[in-house]
Amino acid sequence: MNAEKLAQMIQGGEDSSLELKRMTWRGVGKVNEPHPDSLANEMAAFANAKGGYVVLGVEDKTRDIVGIERDDLSAVEQWLGNLARDLVKPDLMYYTRHIKLTDSLGIPRYVVAIEIPRSLWIHKSPAGYLYRIGHEKREMSPDLLARMFQQRSQARIIRFEEQAVPNTSLADAVHTKHYVKSMEAANAAVQLTRQHLTAKDSDDVARLSVAGVLCCTDEPRRWLPGAYIQAVAYRGAKNDPADQVDAKDFTGSIDTQIWQAFSFVMRHMLIPATKDLGRKEFPQYSRRAVFEAIVNAVAHRDYSIYGARIRLFVFADRLLLCVPGVLPNTMTTDAMPSLSMPRNEVLTTLLSRIPVEAEGLHRAFLMDKRGAGVDVILTESESLSGKKPSYTLIGESELQLTIFAAPSPHDGSPSPTNLPSL
């Protein structure tokens, strides 16, 4: 969007992709109009439809450029941020540009152009669930709302991971070596499409898919705010900030997130040893079980839950992994060791093509797709610690895995036998 194009759009007046708003103030840094509820409704309606622009600093009826003072631009940005976070659920993604346009007297004035892309989610604003049609916003009927939820995030008629992500392009795919054999541009695009890493949006424009964003970009959470792993390590057994010894957010491509999270656990895992008949180590966790748990969390979590991230906690006596989403279909926690029902079929296929270079993990690729991961987690962890790991569903939003730490040979506890290969 440049000044010339924006000026042409404004002169054409409001339509299905453009909303004009005058800004007035009632004190320093305090917006008088537009009303925050009204603007939140307009922005959510665009996000729920095909996206569009809201331009602040323009009279909607006369299309006159009234502008915004330069000193007020930062206040506008802060006001918009609060509005998109507090008045729209889930949080609304948008982009702003400060552009100079000339008014009717030829005086240059600033306007704020807000670009709202079509969202992967359905957003609720103060007036309910709205969508843009023509130059108006309308409330969705129950039937339309049900279809919208179905199409975008709920029933998976088109799997969520295969949907096109607004405001992405093939240029954002910077990690393709595991998926593209030839870097010749046309051929690379074909290969990415065949693997569902790209998809066409409603305007027939090639975009990265959700899977493409997760696998091929440097910062997936730029488009999918919850697509990262939050890891925290504690000295003790409680979630106490005073006991925290380390905290990291792992935000790269999902294979990078897997290795970073795995290294985090290995770094904070205690490995006591005895030296009676040569050095013998007693690690708290099976490396293989930890690796399987992290891979499964990344591969099978529900990415359609806006803002929900994987949380990893390393306590003195246990490891806790919190994964967004409930179990797919009719699977239960009891059936997990014997059944395999991947939520993200594309992701599991892609992860099965990425080689494992670390030693001692007894696999060639990140994912083996044989459904043995849960059994490895349960069997090897119980053999090491004497306690069977537990899977627990938390309401309708999260699956939690607890892996108990093995006892130290120095604390007087009997050491379990049949130690697994580490």
Protein backbone atom coordinates (compact mmCIF):
# COMPACT_ATOMS: atom_id res chain seq x y z
CA MET A 1 0.00 0.00 0.00
CA ASN A 2 1.47 3.36 -1.04
CA ALA A 3 0.12 6.92 -0.86
CA GLU A 4 -1.06 7.01 -4.46
CA LYS A 5 -2.98 3.75 -4.26
CA LEU A 6 -4.49 4.67 -0.90
CA ALA A 7 -5.63 8.08 -2.20
CA GLN A 8 -7.35 6.37 -5.13
CA MET A 9 -9.12 3.94 -2.81
CA ILE A 10 -10.33 6.78 -0.57
CA GLN A 11 -11.71 8.74 -3.51
CA GLY A 12 -13.70 5.67 -4.53
CA GLY A 13 -15.39 5.62 -1.13
CA GLU A 14 -16.22 2.82 1.27
CA ASP A 15 -16.84 -0.66 -0.10
CA SER A 16 -16.42 -4.27 0.94
CA SER A 17 -12.71 -3.75 1.56
CA LEU A 18 -12.50 -0.15 2.82
CA GLU A 19 -13.79 1.71 5.89
CA LEU A 20 -13.03 5.40 6.54
CA LYS A 21 -12.98 6.93 10.02
CA ARG A 22 -12.42 10.47 11.27
CA MET A 23 -10.42 10.80 14.50
CA THR A 24 -11.10 13.40 17.17
CA TRP A 25 -9.65 13.82 20.64
CA ARG A 26 -11.01 14.77 24.07
CA GLY A 27 -7.68 15.47 25.72
CA VAL A 28 -4.05 14.55 25.43
CA GLY A 29 -3.79 10.94 24.18
CA LYS A 30 -7.52 10.26 24.65
CA VAL A 31 -9.56 9.28 21.59
CA ASN A 32 -13.04 10.74 21.33
CA GLU A 33 -14.04 9.13 18.04
CA PRO A 34 -14.35 6.63 16.59
CA HIS A 35 -15.82 4.78 19.56
CA PRO A 36 -13.59 1.77 20.38
CA ASP A 37 -16.54 -0.65 20.21
CA SER A 38 -17.46 0.65 16.76
CA LEU A 39 -13.94 0.28 15.39
CA ALA A 40 -13.56 -3.17 16.96
CA ASN A 41 -16.75 -4.24 15.19
CA GLU A 42 -15.47 -2.96 11.84
CA MET A 43 -12.09 -4.66 12.17
CA ALA A 44 -13.59 -8.00 13.30
CA ALA A 45 -16.09 -7.89 10.41
CA PHE A 46 -13.22 -7.55 7.93
CA ALA A 47 -11.29 -10.39 9.56
CA ASN A 48 -14.37 -12.64 9.43
CA ALA A 49 -14.91 -11.87 5.73
CA LYS A 50 -12.13 -11.41 3.14
CA GLY A 51 -10.12 -8.79 4.99
CA GLY A 52 -9.81 -5.10 4.21
CA TYR A 53 -8.55 -1.68 5.27
CA VAL A 54 -9.66 0.84 7.87
CA VAL A 55 -8.20 4.29 7.31
CA LEU A 56 -8.12 6.63 10.31
CA GLY A 57 -8.00 10.36 9.62
CA VAL A 58 -10.54 10.53 6.77
CA GLU A 59 -14.11 11.85 6.87
CA ASP A 60 -16.24 8.97 5.58
CA LYS A 61 -19.04 11.01 4.01
CA THR A 62 -17.01 13.69 2.23
CA ARG A 63 -13.79 11.62 1.87
CA ASP A 64 -11.82 14.66 3.03
CA ILE A 65 -8.38 14.06 4.50
CA VAL A 66 -8.62 15.54 8.01
CA GLY A 67 -5.45 13.78 9.17
CA ILE A 68 -3.83 12.91 12.48
CA GLU A 69 -1.14 15.00 14.14
CA ARG A 70 2.29 13.39 14.05
CA ASP A 71 2.61 13.63 17.84
CA ASP A 72 -0.63 11.63 18.20
CA LEU A 73 0.43 8.64 16.06
CA SER A 74 1.98 6.69 18.94
CA ALA A 75 -1.18 7.19 20.99
CA VAL A 76 -3.22 5.84 18.08
CA GLU A 77 -1.02 2.74 17.92
CA GLN A 78 -1.40 2.08 21.64
CA TRP A 79 -5.16 2.61 21.45
CA LEU A 80 -5.43 0.17 18.54
CA GLY A 81 -3.39 -2.45 20.37
CA ASN A 82 -5.60 -2.28 23.44
CA LEU A 83 -8.73 -2.39 21.30
CA ALA A 84 -7.67 -5.44 19.27
CA ARG A 85 -6.64 -7.30 22.44
CA ASP A 86 -9.47 -6.36 24.81
CA LEU A 87 -12.55 -5.94 22.60
CA VAL A 88 -12.06 -8.72 20.02
CA LYS A 89 -11.84 -12.42 20.85
CA PRO A 90 -9.65 -14.14 19.90
CA ASP A 91 -7.10 -11.34 19.58
CA LEU A 92 -7.14 -9.66 16.20
CA MET A 93 -4.11 -9.54 13.90
CA TYR A 94 -3.62 -6.34 11.92
CA TYR A 95 -0.90 -4.21 10.31
CA THR A 96 -0.58 -0.41 10.30
CA ARG A 97 1.13 2.16 8.12
CA HIS A 98 1.47 5.90 8.67
CA ILE A 99 1.00 7.52 5.26
CA LYS A 100 1.07 11.18 4.24
CA LEU A 101 -1.81 12.36 2.04
CA THR A 102 -2.61 15.90 0.95
CA ASP A 103 -5.88 17.50 2.02
CA SER A 104 -8.11 19.71 -0.15
CA LEU A 105 -5.76 22.69 0.44
CA GLY A 106 -2.68 20.74 -0.57
CA ILE A 107 -1.41 20.39 3.00
CA PRO A 108 0.20 16.99 3.75
CA ARG A 109 -1.40 15.16 6.67
CA TYR A 110 -0.85 11.77 8.26
CA VAL A 111 -3.44 9.03 8.13
CA VAL A 112 -3.19 5.55 9.65
CA ALA A 113 -3.99 2.73 7.24
CA ILE A 114 -4.92 -0.46 9.11
CA GLU A 115 -4.76 -3.65 7.08
CA ILE A 116 -6.86 -6.51 8.49
CA PRO A 117 -6.21 -9.84 6.72
CA ARG A 118 -8.79 -12.56 6.42
CA SER A 119 -8.42 -14.54 9.62
CA LEU A 120 -8.00 -18.25 10.22
CA TRP A 121 -10.36 -17.82 13.17
CA ILE A 122 -13.84 -16.38 13.71
CA HIS A 123 -13.75 -13.25 15.86
CA LYS A 124 -16.34 -11.91 18.26
CA SER A 125 -16.54 -8.16 18.86
CA PRO A 126 -18.82 -6.09 21.13
CA ALA A 127 -21.75 -6.40 18.70
CA GLY A 128 -21.35 -10.17 18.30
CA TYR A 129 -20.13 -12.16 15.30
CA LEU A 130 -20.08 -9.77 12.32
CA TYR A 131 -18.93 -9.94 8.72
CA ARG A 132 -18.44 -7.35 6.00
CA ILE A 133 -20.63 -7.26 2.92
CA GLY A 134 -20.49 -4.25 0.63
CA HIS A 135 -19.86 -1.15 2.74
CA GLU A 136 -21.80 -2.53 5.69
CA LYS A 137 -21.19 -4.96 8.51
CA ARG A 138 -23.86 -7.50 9.35
CA GLU A 139 -24.42 -9.95 12.15
CA MET A 140 -23.98 -13.58 11.11
CA SER A 141 -27.07 -15.75 11.12
CA PRO A 142 -26.79 -18.95 13.19
CA ASP A 143 -26.49 -21.00 9.98
CA LEU A 144 -23.75 -18.81 8.54
CA LEU A 145 -21.87 -18.75 11.83
CA ALA A 146 -21.99 -22.55 12.03
CA ARG A 147 -20.65 -22.84 8.47
CA MET A 148 -17.88 -20.34 9.17
CA PHE A 149 -16.73 -22.20 12.26
CA GLN A 150 -16.88 -25.43 10.32
CA GLN A 151 -14.84 -24.12 7.42
CA ARG A 152 -12.16 -22.31 9.41
CA SER A 153 -11.42 -24.20 12.57
CA GLN A 154 -13.84 -26.75 13.86
CA ALA A 155 -15.00 -29.65 11.68
CA ARG A 156 -11.87 -29.87 9.52
CA ILE A 157 -13.67 -30.43 6.20
CA ILE A 158 -10.41 -28.99 4.97
CA ARG A 159 -7.85 -29.84 7.64
CA PHE A 160 -6.73 -26.79 9.56
CA GLU A 161 -3.08 -27.43 8.76
CA GLU A 162 -3.85 -27.25 5.01
CA GLN A 163 -5.56 -23.85 5.07
CA ALA A 164 -3.91 -20.86 3.41
CA VAL A 165 -2.47 -18.34 5.87
CA PRO A 166 -3.26 -14.70 5.00
CA ASN A 167 -0.37 -12.31 4.33
CA THR A 168 2.14 -15.06 3.61
CA SER A 169 4.03 -15.70 0.40
CA LEU A 170 6.46 -18.27 -0.96
CA ALA A 171 9.27 -15.87 -0.04
CA ASP A 172 8.52 -16.55 3.63
CA ALA A 173 9.48 -20.23 3.16
CA VAL A 174 13.16 -20.06 4.15
CA HIS A 175 13.53 -23.62 5.50
CA THR A 176 12.77 -25.96 2.61
CA LYS A 177 15.80 -28.28 2.37
CA HIS A 178 13.87 -31.23 3.82
CA TYR A 179 10.95 -30.77 1.42
CA VAL A 180 12.34 -29.38 -1.84
CA LYS A 181 14.88 -31.32 -3.89
CA SER A 182 15.41 -28.69 -6.55
CA MET A 183 15.67 -24.97 -5.82
CA GLU A 184 14.59 -24.02 -9.33
CA ALA A 185 11.74 -21.60 -8.59
CA ALA A 186 8.89 -23.12 -10.58
CA ASN A 187 9.79 -26.66 -9.55
CA ALA A 188 10.13 -25.68 -5.89
CA ALA A 189 6.64 -24.15 -5.91
CA VAL A 190 5.18 -27.36 -7.35
CA GLN A 191 6.90 -29.49 -4.71
CA LEU A 192 5.69 -27.28 -1.87
CA THR A 193 2.13 -27.46 -3.19
CA ARG A 194 2.21 -31.25 -3.53
CA GLN A 195 3.22 -31.53 0.10
CA HIS A 196 0.43 -29.17 1.24
CA LEU A 197 2.96 -26.56 2.35
CA THR A 198 1.22 -24.01 0.14
CA ALA A 199 -2.44 -23.42 -0.70
CA LYS A 200 -4.56 -21.02 -2.73
CA ASP A 201 -6.59 -18.47 -0.80
CA SER A 202 -10.11 -17.34 -1.70
CA ASP A 203 -8.66 -14.96 -4.31
CA ASP A 204 -6.65 -17.79 -5.93
CA VAL A 205 -3.36 -16.38 -4.62
CA ALA A 206 -0.67 -18.84 -3.53
CA ARG A 207 0.01 -18.63 0.21
CA LEU A 208 1.82 -20.75 2.72
CA SER A 209 -0.49 -23.19 4.46
CA VAL A 210 -0.56 -23.55 8.25
CA ALA A 211 1.79 -26.52 7.81
CA GLY A 212 4.01 -24.40 5.58
CA VAL A 213 4.23 -21.65 8.19
CA LEU A 214 5.08 -24.19 10.90
CA CYS A 215 7.71 -26.09 8.91
CA CYS A 216 9.27 -23.52 6.61
CA THR A 217 9.36 -20.13 8.36
CA ASP A 218 11.76 -18.64 10.92
CA GLU A 219 8.99 -17.36 13.19
CA PRO A 220 5.70 -19.29 12.92
CA ARG A 221 4.09 -17.27 15.71
CA ARG A 222 4.23 -14.18 13.49
CA TRP A 223 1.12 -15.67 11.86
CA LEU A 224 0.08 -18.31 14.42
CA PRO A 225 0.53 -16.63 17.82
CA GLY A 226 0.59 -19.86 19.83
CA ALA A 227 2.98 -21.83 17.62
CA TYR A 228 5.89 -22.04 20.04
CA ILE A 229 7.10 -23.94 23.12
CA GLN A 230 7.36 -22.17 26.46
CA ALA A 231 9.83 -23.94 28.76
CA VAL A 232 10.55 -23.29 32.45
CA ALA A 233 12.87 -25.10 34.87
CA TYR A 234 12.55 -25.02 38.68
CA ARG A 235 14.76 -26.05 41.59
CA GLY A 236 11.89 -27.58 43.50
CA ALA A 237 8.62 -29.40 42.86
CA LYS A 238 6.27 -26.38 42.73
CA ASN A 239 5.39 -23.80 40.11
CA ASP A 240 6.94 -21.02 42.17
CA PRO A 241 8.55 -18.03 40.38
CA ALA A 242 11.01 -17.72 43.27
CA ASP A 243 12.24 -21.24 42.47
CA GLN A 244 12.70 -20.64 38.74
CA VAL A 245 16.21 -21.26 37.40
CA ASP A 246 15.65 -20.91 33.64
CA ALA A 247 12.96 -19.96 31.14
CA LYS A 248 12.97 -19.96 27.35
CA ASP A 249 10.53 -19.54 24.48
CA PHE A 250 11.38 -21.69 21.46
CA THR A 251 9.96 -20.00 18.37
CA GLY A 252 11.67 -21.27 15.22
CA SER A 253 10.42 -23.81 12.68
CA ILE A 254 8.85 -26.78 14.44
CA ASP A 255 11.82 -29.11 13.94
CA THR A 256 14.02 -26.43 15.52
CA GLN A 257 11.55 -26.13 18.41
CA ILE A 258 11.76 -29.90 19.00
CA TRP A 259 15.56 -29.89 19.30
CA GLN A 260 15.65 -26.76 21.44
CA ALA A 261 13.07 -28.12 23.87
CA PHE A 262 14.85 -31.48 24.02
CA SER A 263 18.17 -29.76 24.77
CA PHE A 264 16.47 -27.69 27.47
CA VAL A 265 15.35 -30.84 29.32
CA MET A 266 18.74 -32.51 28.89
CA ARG A 267 20.47 -29.40 30.23
CA HIS A 268 18.35 -29.29 33.38
CA MET A 269 18.06 -33.03 33.98
CA LEU A 270 20.10 -34.27 36.93
CA ILE A 271 22.45 -37.20 36.29
CA PRO A 272 23.79 -38.48 39.62
CA ALA A 273 26.44 -41.21 39.47
CA THR A 274 28.18 -43.83 41.58
CA LYS A 275 31.83 -44.88 41.34
CA ASP A 276 31.93 -48.14 43.32
CA LEU A 277 32.87 -50.37 40.35
CA GLY A 278 33.53 -47.70 37.76
CA ARG A 279 31.34 -44.71 37.06
CA LYS A 280 27.64 -45.52 36.62
CA GLU A 281 25.17 -42.76 35.79
CA PHE A 282 21.51 -42.58 36.86
CA PRO A 283 19.74 -39.97 34.67
CA GLN A 284 16.33 -38.74 35.80
CA TYR A 285 14.67 -39.35 32.43
CA SER A 286 15.06 -41.57 29.39
CA ARG A 287 16.39 -39.41 26.56
CA ARG A 288 14.34 -41.43 24.10
CA ALA A 289 11.11 -40.98 26.09
CA VAL A 290 11.63 -37.22 26.43
CA PHE A 291 12.34 -36.92 22.72
CA GLU A 292 9.20 -38.91 21.81
CA ALA A 293 7.08 -36.79 24.15
CA ILE A 294 8.24 -33.50 22.64
CA VAL A 295 7.88 -34.72 19.04
CA ASN A 296 4.36 -35.98 19.77
CA ALA A 297 3.41 -32.69 21.43
CA VAL A 298 4.50 -30.64 18.41
CA ALA A 299 3.06 -33.06 15.84
CA HIS A 300 -0.34 -33.69 17.44
CA ARG A 301 -1.29 -30.46 19.22
CA ASP A 302 -4.31 -28.46 18.05
CA TYR A 303 -2.99 -25.42 16.20
CA SER A 304 -6.48 -24.02 15.64
CA ILE A 305 -6.76 -22.93 19.30
CA TYR A 306 -5.78 -19.29 19.06
CA GLY A 307 -2.79 -18.26 21.17
CA ALA A 308 -2.44 -21.61 22.99
CA ARG A 309 1.19 -22.73 23.20
CA ILE A 310 2.92 -25.91 24.35
CA ARG A 311 4.15 -25.50 27.92
CA LEU A 312 7.09 -27.53 29.25
CA PHE A 313 7.96 -27.57 32.96
CA VAL A 314 11.03 -29.26 34.44
CA PHE A 315 10.61 -29.76 38.19
CA ALA A 316 12.95 -31.49 40.61
CA ASP A 317 10.76 -34.59 40.70
CA ARG A 318 8.92 -34.62 37.36
CA LEU A 319 8.59 -33.28 33.86
CA LEU A 320 5.21 -31.77 32.87
CA LEU A 321 4.24 -31.25 29.22
CA CYS A 322 1.01 -29.35 28.52
CA VAL A 323 -0.31 -29.75 24.97
CA PRO A 324 -3.17 -27.63 23.53
CA GLY A 325 -6.23 -29.57 22.40
CA VAL A 326 -8.18 -32.64 23.39
CA LEU A 327 -7.70 -36.09 21.86
CA PRO A 328 -9.02 -36.41 18.29
CA ASN A 329 -12.18 -38.32 17.40
CA THR A 330 -13.23 -40.78 20.12
CA MET A 331 -9.75 -41.65 21.41
CA THR A 332 -9.25 -41.88 25.20
CA THR A 333 -6.09 -41.62 27.29
CA ASP A 334 -6.35 -45.35 28.03
CA ALA A 335 -6.37 -46.17 24.30
CA MET A 336 -3.36 -44.00 23.43
CA PRO A 337 -0.69 -46.75 23.71
CA SER A 338 -2.50 -48.99 21.21
CA LEU A 339 -4.20 -46.55 18.81
CA SER A 340 -2.77 -43.92 16.47
CA MET A 341 -5.08 -41.18 15.19
CA PRO A 342 -2.97 -38.21 14.11
CA ARG A 343 -4.74 -34.87 14.19
CA ASN A 344 -2.23 -33.30 11.80
CA GLU A 345 -1.65 -35.82 9.03
CA VAL A 346 0.39 -33.41 6.91
CA LEU A 347 2.69 -32.47 9.77
CA THR A 348 3.36 -36.05 10.79
CA THR A 349 4.22 -36.91 7.18
CA LEU A 350 6.58 -33.95 6.89
CA LEU A 351 8.29 -34.68 10.20
CA SER A 352 8.85 -38.26 9.04
CA ARG A 353 11.17 -36.85 6.33
CA ILE A 354 13.48 -34.91 8.64
CA PRO A 355 16.54 -36.97 9.66
CA VAL A 356 17.66 -37.40 13.27
CA GLU A 357 21.37 -36.80 13.67
CA ALA A 358 21.63 -37.22 17.46
CA GLU A 359 22.90 -40.53 18.78
CA GLY A 360 21.05 -42.86 21.11
CA LEU A 361 17.49 -42.05 19.99
CA HIS A 362 17.11 -45.25 17.93
CA ARG A 363 15.38 -43.67 14.97
CA ALA A 364 16.29 -42.25 11.58
CA PHE A 365 13.65 -39.49 11.37
CA LEU A 366 11.82 -37.18 13.75
CA MET A 367 8.58 -39.13 13.29
CA ASP A 368 8.30 -42.84 12.55
CA LYS A 369 4.49 -42.90 12.01
CA ARG A 370 4.19 -46.41 13.45
CA GLY A 371 2.28 -45.23 16.50
CA ALA A 372 4.88 -46.55 18.95
CA GLY A 373 5.75 -43.24 20.58
CA VAL A 374 3.33 -43.39 23.50
CA ASP A 375 4.39 -46.93 24.35
CA VAL A 376 8.05 -45.83 24.37
CA ILE A 377 7.22 -42.93 26.69
CA LEU A 378 5.30 -45.13 29.13
CA THR A 379 7.56 -48.19 29.11
CA GLU A 380 10.97 -46.55 29.24
CA SER A 381 9.96 -43.91 31.78
CA GLU A 382 8.37 -46.47 34.13
CA SER A 383 11.42 -48.75 33.86
CA LEU A 384 13.68 -45.86 34.83
CA SER A 385 11.63 -44.22 37.61
CA GLY A 386 9.40 -47.02 38.85
CA LYS A 387 6.35 -44.82 38.18
CA LYS A 388 4.16 -44.95 35.11
CA PRO A 389 3.75 -41.57 33.35
CA SER A 390 0.23 -40.17 33.39
CA TYR A 391 -1.86 -38.53 30.67
CA THR A 392 -4.59 -36.20 31.93
CA LEU A 393 -7.23 -34.25 29.98
CA ILE A 394 -7.84 -30.77 31.36
CA GLY A 395 -11.37 -29.78 30.36
CA GLU A 396 -11.79 -29.25 26.63
CA SER A 397 -8.53 -27.49 26.03
CA GLU A 398 -5.40 -29.36 27.06
CA LEU A 399 -3.70 -32.75 27.41
CA GLN A 400 -1.06 -32.98 30.14
CA LEU A 401 1.72 -35.57 30.30
CA THR A 402 3.62 -36.11 33.55
CA ILE A 403 6.88 -38.09 33.46
CA PHE A 404 8.27 -38.83 36.92
CA ALA A 405 11.97 -38.45 37.64
CA ALA A 406 14.03 -41.49 38.55
CA PRO A 407 15.26 -41.59 42.16
CA SER A 408 18.88 -40.78 42.89
CA PRO A 409 21.12 -43.58 44.15
CA HIS A 410 22.20 -41.15 46.88
CA ASP A 411 18.78 -40.49 48.44
CA GLY A 412 18.33 -43.94 49.98
CA SER A 413 15.60 -45.01 47.54
CA PRO A 414 15.92 -48.40 45.84
CA SER A 415 16.98 -48.08 42.19
CA PRO A 416 14.63 -49.68 39.62
CA THR A 417 15.94 -52.52 37.53
CA ASN A 418 15.73 -53.16 33.79
CA LEU A 419 17.05 -49.73 32.86
CA PRO A 420 16.18 -48.81 29.26
CA SER A 421 18.71 -47.84 26.65
CA LEU A 422 19.37 -44.13 26.96
